[in-house]
């Protein structure tokens, strides 16, 4: 199985513009230097990466919990993708995951154990293993 997405950029870095589209057609949108490195409207690759990470983590945690006998009512994850700069240019310095889950019957210690195991085990987390990832997990 392969998933795909496309992106096109036109022009120079600061004055140009781009368009990104998921192969499934579920999302497409414009992005620019100012939507990426400033606070202007539009998409940016880091948000898309964060959405992928949050989506993967939520699914994986729900699956892990279900395998342990606890079916989640909901698992909501936010991914904050932090940018920094080094001598080579901009880079992702850290991804902070914040998860809030409603899981009947599970105690907090068991929930925390599964939340932490999943932090490094979901597909996207494994692909991003070189990037520091933090986790704050809250059980409703």
C-alpha atoms as a PDB file:
ATOM      1  CA  UNK A   1       0.000   0.000   0.000  1.00  0.00           C
ATOM      2  CA  UNK A   2       1.236   3.487  -0.791  1.00  0.00           C
ATOM      3  CA  UNK A   3      -0.355   6.821   0.048  1.00  0.00           C
ATOM      4  CA  UNK A   4       0.492   9.974  -1.836  1.00  0.00           C
ATOM      5  CA  UNK A   5       0.212  13.704  -1.795  1.00  0.00           C
ATOM      6  CA  UNK A   6       1.367  16.376  -4.206  1.00  0.00           C
ATOM      7  CA  UNK A   7       2.708  19.867  -3.768  1.00  0.00           C
ATOM      8  CA  UNK A   8       3.633  22.522  -6.288  1.00  0.00           C
ATOM      9  CA  UNK A   9       5.614  25.681  -5.596  1.00  0.00           C
ATOM     10  CA  UNK A  10       5.816  28.646  -7.975  1.00  0.00           C
ATOM     11  CA  UNK A  11       8.286  31.485  -7.639  1.00  0.00           C
ATOM     12  CA  UNK A  12      11.001  32.294  -5.156  1.00  0.00           C
ATOM     13  CA  UNK A  13      10.928  31.466  -1.450  1.00  0.00           C
ATOM     14  CA  UNK A  14       9.452  34.642   0.018  1.00  0.00           C
ATOM     15  CA  UNK A  15       7.363  35.851  -2.910  1.00  0.00           C
ATOM     16  CA  UNK A  16       6.215  32.522  -4.276  1.00  0.00           C
ATOM     17  CA  UNK A  17       3.231  30.397  -3.453  1.00  0.00           C
ATOM     18  CA  UNK A  18       2.335  26.759  -3.323  1.00  0.00           C
ATOM     19  CA  UNK A  19      -0.554  24.359  -3.392  1.00  0.00           C
ATOM     20  CA  UNK A  20      -0.746  20.996  -1.650  1.00  0.00           C
ATOM     21  CA  UNK A  21      -3.247  18.196  -2.253  1.00  0.00           C
ATOM     22  CA  UNK A  22      -3.849  14.824  -0.652  1.00  0.00           C
ATOM     23  CA  UNK A  23      -4.213  11.938  -3.075  1.00  0.00           C
ATOM     24  CA  UNK A  24      -7.511  10.933  -1.468  1.00  0.00           C
ATOM     25  CA  UNK A  25      -8.952  14.374  -2.214  1.00  0.00           C
ATOM     26  CA  UNK A  26      -9.797  14.865   1.464  1.00  0.00           C
ATOM     27  CA  UNK A  27      -7.751  18.065   1.662  1.00  0.00           C
ATOM     28  CA  UNK A  28      -6.124  20.589  -0.596  1.00  0.00           C
ATOM     29  CA  UNK A  29      -4.980  24.099   0.083  1.00  0.00           C
ATOM     30  CA  UNK A  30      -2.526  26.874  -0.519  1.00  0.00           C
ATOM     31  CA  UNK A  31       0.637  27.606   1.405  1.00  0.00           C
ATOM     32  CA  UNK A  32       3.252  30.339   1.335  1.00  0.00           C
ATOM     33  CA  UNK A  33       6.337  31.601   3.113  1.00  0.00           C
ATOM     34  CA  UNK A  34       4.143  33.760   5.329  1.00  0.00           C
ATOM     35  CA  UNK A  35       1.770  30.885   6.218  1.00  0.00           C
ATOM     36  CA  UNK A  36       4.793  28.772   7.105  1.00  0.00           C
ATOM     37  CA  UNK A  37       7.139  31.146   8.897  1.00  0.00           C
ATOM     38  CA  UNK A  38       4.759  33.935   9.938  1.00  0.00           C
ATOM     39  CA  UNK A  39       1.158  33.996  11.151  1.00  0.00           C
ATOM     40  CA  UNK A  40      -0.631  34.467   7.828  1.00  0.00           C
ATOM     41  CA  UNK A  41      -3.565  32.279   6.687  1.00  0.00           C
ATOM     42  CA  UNK A  42      -2.853  29.112   4.743  1.00  0.00           C
ATOM     43  CA  UNK A  43      -1.467  25.653   5.262  1.00  0.00           C
ATOM     44  CA  UNK A  44       2.111  24.694   5.968  1.00  0.00           C
ATOM     45  CA  UNK A  45       4.028  21.424   5.876  1.00  0.00           C
ATOM     46  CA  UNK A  46       4.552  21.371   9.639  1.00  0.00           C
ATOM     47  CA  UNK A  47       0.806  21.576  10.359  1.00  0.00           C
ATOM     48  CA  UNK A  48       0.169  18.779   7.896  1.00  0.00           C
ATOM     49  CA  UNK A  49       2.855  16.693   9.577  1.00  0.00           C
ATOM     50  CA  UNK A  50       1.302  17.485  12.965  1.00  0.00           C
ATOM     51  CA  UNK A  51      -2.143  16.447  11.734  1.00  0.00           C
ATOM     52  CA  UNK A  52      -0.724  13.167  10.457  1.00  0.00           C
ATOM     53  CA  UNK A  53       1.063  12.528  13.750  1.00  0.00           C
ATOM     54  CA  UNK A  54      -1.989  13.413  15.880  1.00  0.00           C
ATOM     55  CA  UNK A  55      -4.296  11.296  13.717  1.00  0.00           C
ATOM     56  CA  UNK A  56      -1.973   8.312  13.769  1.00  0.00           C
ATOM     57  CA  UNK A  57      -1.411   8.575  17.523  1.00  0.00           C
ATOM     58  CA  UNK A  58      -5.140   8.832  18.314  1.00  0.00           C
ATOM     59  CA  UNK A  59      -5.931   5.744  16.227  1.00  0.00           C
ATOM     60  CA  UNK A  60      -2.999   3.773  17.616  1.00  0.00           C
ATOM     61  CA  UNK A  61      -3.793   4.607  21.236  1.00  0.00           C
ATOM     62  CA  UNK A  62      -7.457   3.662  20.773  1.00  0.00           C
ATOM     63  CA  UNK A  63      -6.312   0.381  19.217  1.00  0.00           C
ATOM     64  CA  UNK A  64      -3.827  -0.335  22.025  1.00  0.00           C
ATOM     65  CA  UNK A  65      -6.433   0.353  24.676  1.00  0.00           C
ATOM     66  CA  UNK A  66      -9.041  -1.795  22.902  1.00  0.00           C
ATOM     67  CA  UNK A  67      -6.531  -4.642  22.723  1.00  0.00           C
ATOM     68  CA  UNK A  68      -6.178  -4.367  26.502  1.00  0.00           C
ATOM     69  CA  UNK A  69      -9.975  -4.507  26.905  1.00  0.00           C
ATOM     70  CA  UNK A  70     -10.751  -0.783  27.157  1.00  0.00           C
ATOM     71  CA  UNK A  71     -12.769   0.716  24.296  1.00  0.00           C
ATOM     72  CA  UNK A  72     -12.293   4.479  24.107  1.00  0.00           C
ATOM     73  CA  UNK A  73     -15.253   6.787  23.665  1.00  0.00           C
ATOM     74  CA  UNK A  74     -12.816   9.354  22.293  1.00  0.00           C
ATOM     75  CA  UNK A  75      -9.106  10.035  21.947  1.00  0.00           C
ATOM     76  CA  UNK A  76      -8.275  13.618  20.968  1.00  0.00           C
ATOM     77  CA  UNK A  77      -4.653  14.476  20.246  1.00  0.00           C
ATOM     78  CA  UNK A  78      -3.031  17.814  19.488  1.00  0.00           C
ATOM     79  CA  UNK A  79       0.450  17.908  17.970  1.00  0.00           C
ATOM     80  CA  UNK A  80       2.509  21.077  18.357  1.00  0.00           C
ATOM     81  CA  UNK A  81       5.336  20.995  15.833  1.00  0.00           C
ATOM     82  CA  UNK A  82       8.128  23.286  17.039  1.00  0.00           C
ATOM     83  CA  UNK A  83      10.438  24.970  14.542  1.00  0.00           C
ATOM     84  CA  UNK A  84      13.934  26.180  15.239  1.00  0.00           C
ATOM     85  CA  UNK A  85      17.045  27.061  13.349  1.00  0.00           C
ATOM     86  CA  UNK A  86      20.573  25.731  13.368  1.00  0.00           C
ATOM     87  CA  UNK A  87      23.663  26.352  11.243  1.00  0.00           C
ATOM     88  CA  UNK A  88      22.022  24.482   8.326  1.00  0.00           C
ATOM     89  CA  UNK A  89      18.712  26.390   8.457  1.00  0.00           C
ATOM     90  CA  UNK A  90      15.226  25.737   9.792  1.00  0.00           C
ATOM     91  CA  UNK A  91      14.345  22.387  11.350  1.00  0.00           C
ATOM     92  CA  UNK A  92      11.718  20.695  13.480  1.00  0.00           C
ATOM     93  CA  UNK A  93      13.163  20.704  16.983  1.00  0.00           C
ATOM     94  CA  UNK A  94      10.406  18.862  18.843  1.00  0.00           C
ATOM     95  CA  UNK A  95       6.838  17.612  18.585  1.00  0.00           C
ATOM     96  CA  UNK A  96       4.662  17.954  21.684  1.00  0.00           C
ATOM     97  CA  UNK A  97       1.669  15.623  21.783  1.00  0.00           C
ATOM     98  CA  UNK A  98      -1.221  16.416  24.107  1.00  0.00           C
ATOM     99  CA  UNK A  99      -3.913  13.761  24.378  1.00  0.00           C
ATOM    100  CA  UNK A 100      -7.209  13.786  26.228  1.00  0.00           C
ATOM    101  CA  UNK A 101      -9.100  10.507  26.233  1.00  0.00           C
ATOM    102  CA  UNK A 102     -12.428   9.277  27.510  1.00  0.00           C
ATOM    103  CA  UNK A 103     -11.945   5.570  28.227  1.00  0.00           C
ATOM    104  CA  UNK A 104     -14.478   3.862  30.488  1.00  0.00           C
ATOM    105  CA  UNK A 105     -13.101   1.370  32.994  1.00  0.00           C
ATOM    106  CA  UNK A 106      -9.393   2.138  32.669  1.00  0.00           C
ATOM    107  CA  UNK A 107      -7.398   3.454  35.617  1.00  0.00           C
ATOM    108  CA  UNK A 108      -4.949   6.327  35.135  1.00  0.00           C
ATOM    109  CA  UNK A 109      -1.791   4.215  35.604  1.00  0.00           C
ATOM    110  CA  UNK A 110      -2.858   1.757  32.888  1.00  0.00           C
ATOM    111  CA  UNK A 111      -3.882   4.610  30.609  1.00  0.00           C
ATOM    112  CA  UNK A 112      -0.514   6.357  31.089  1.00  0.00           C
ATOM    113  CA  UNK A 113       1.329   3.118  30.333  1.00  0.00           C
ATOM    114  CA  UNK A 114      -0.500   2.630  27.026  1.00  0.00           C
ATOM    115  CA  UNK A 115      -0.228   6.319  26.151  1.00  0.00           C
ATOM    116  CA  UNK A 116       3.554   6.208  26.570  1.00  0.00           C
ATOM    117  CA  UNK A 117       3.987   2.920  24.682  1.00  0.00           C
ATOM    118  CA  UNK A 118       1.992   4.364  21.799  1.00  0.00           C
ATOM    119  CA  UNK A 119       4.070   7.591  21.759  1.00  0.00           C
ATOM    120  CA  UNK A 120       6.920   5.743  20.054  1.00  0.00           C
ATOM    121  CA  UNK A 121       4.940   2.929  18.451  1.00  0.00           C
ATOM    122  CA  UNK A 122       2.511   4.516  15.999  1.00  0.00           C
ATOM    123  CA  UNK A 123       3.503   4.501  12.325  1.00  0.00           C
ATOM    124  CA  UNK A 124       4.151   8.241  12.040  1.00  0.00           C
ATOM    125  CA  UNK A 125       6.090   8.316  15.336  1.00  0.00           C
ATOM    126  CA  UNK A 126       8.318   5.542  14.031  1.00  0.00           C
ATOM    127  CA  UNK A 127       8.959   7.534  10.846  1.00  0.00           C
ATOM    128  CA  UNK A 128       9.839  10.584  12.972  1.00  0.00           C
ATOM    129  CA  UNK A 129      12.017   8.683  15.455  1.00  0.00           C
ATOM    130  CA  UNK A 130      14.897  11.158  15.032  1.00  0.00           C
ATOM    131  CA  UNK A 131      12.689  13.987  16.326  1.00  0.00           C
ATOM    132  CA  UNK A 132      12.170  14.462  20.065  1.00  0.00           C
ATOM    133  CA  UNK A 133       8.533  13.886  20.988  1.00  0.00           C
ATOM    134  CA  UNK A 134       6.961  14.749  24.320  1.00  0.00           C
ATOM    135  CA  UNK A 135       3.619  13.552  25.633  1.00  0.00           C
ATOM    136  CA  UNK A 136       1.081  14.928  28.078  1.00  0.00           C
ATOM    137  CA  UNK A 137      -1.763  12.444  28.517  1.00  0.00           C
ATOM    138  CA  UNK A 138      -4.983  13.187  30.394  1.00  0.00           C
ATOM    139  CA  UNK A 139      -7.731  10.718  31.143  1.00  0.00           C
ATOM    140  CA  UNK A 140     -11.237  12.244  31.366  1.00  0.00           C
END
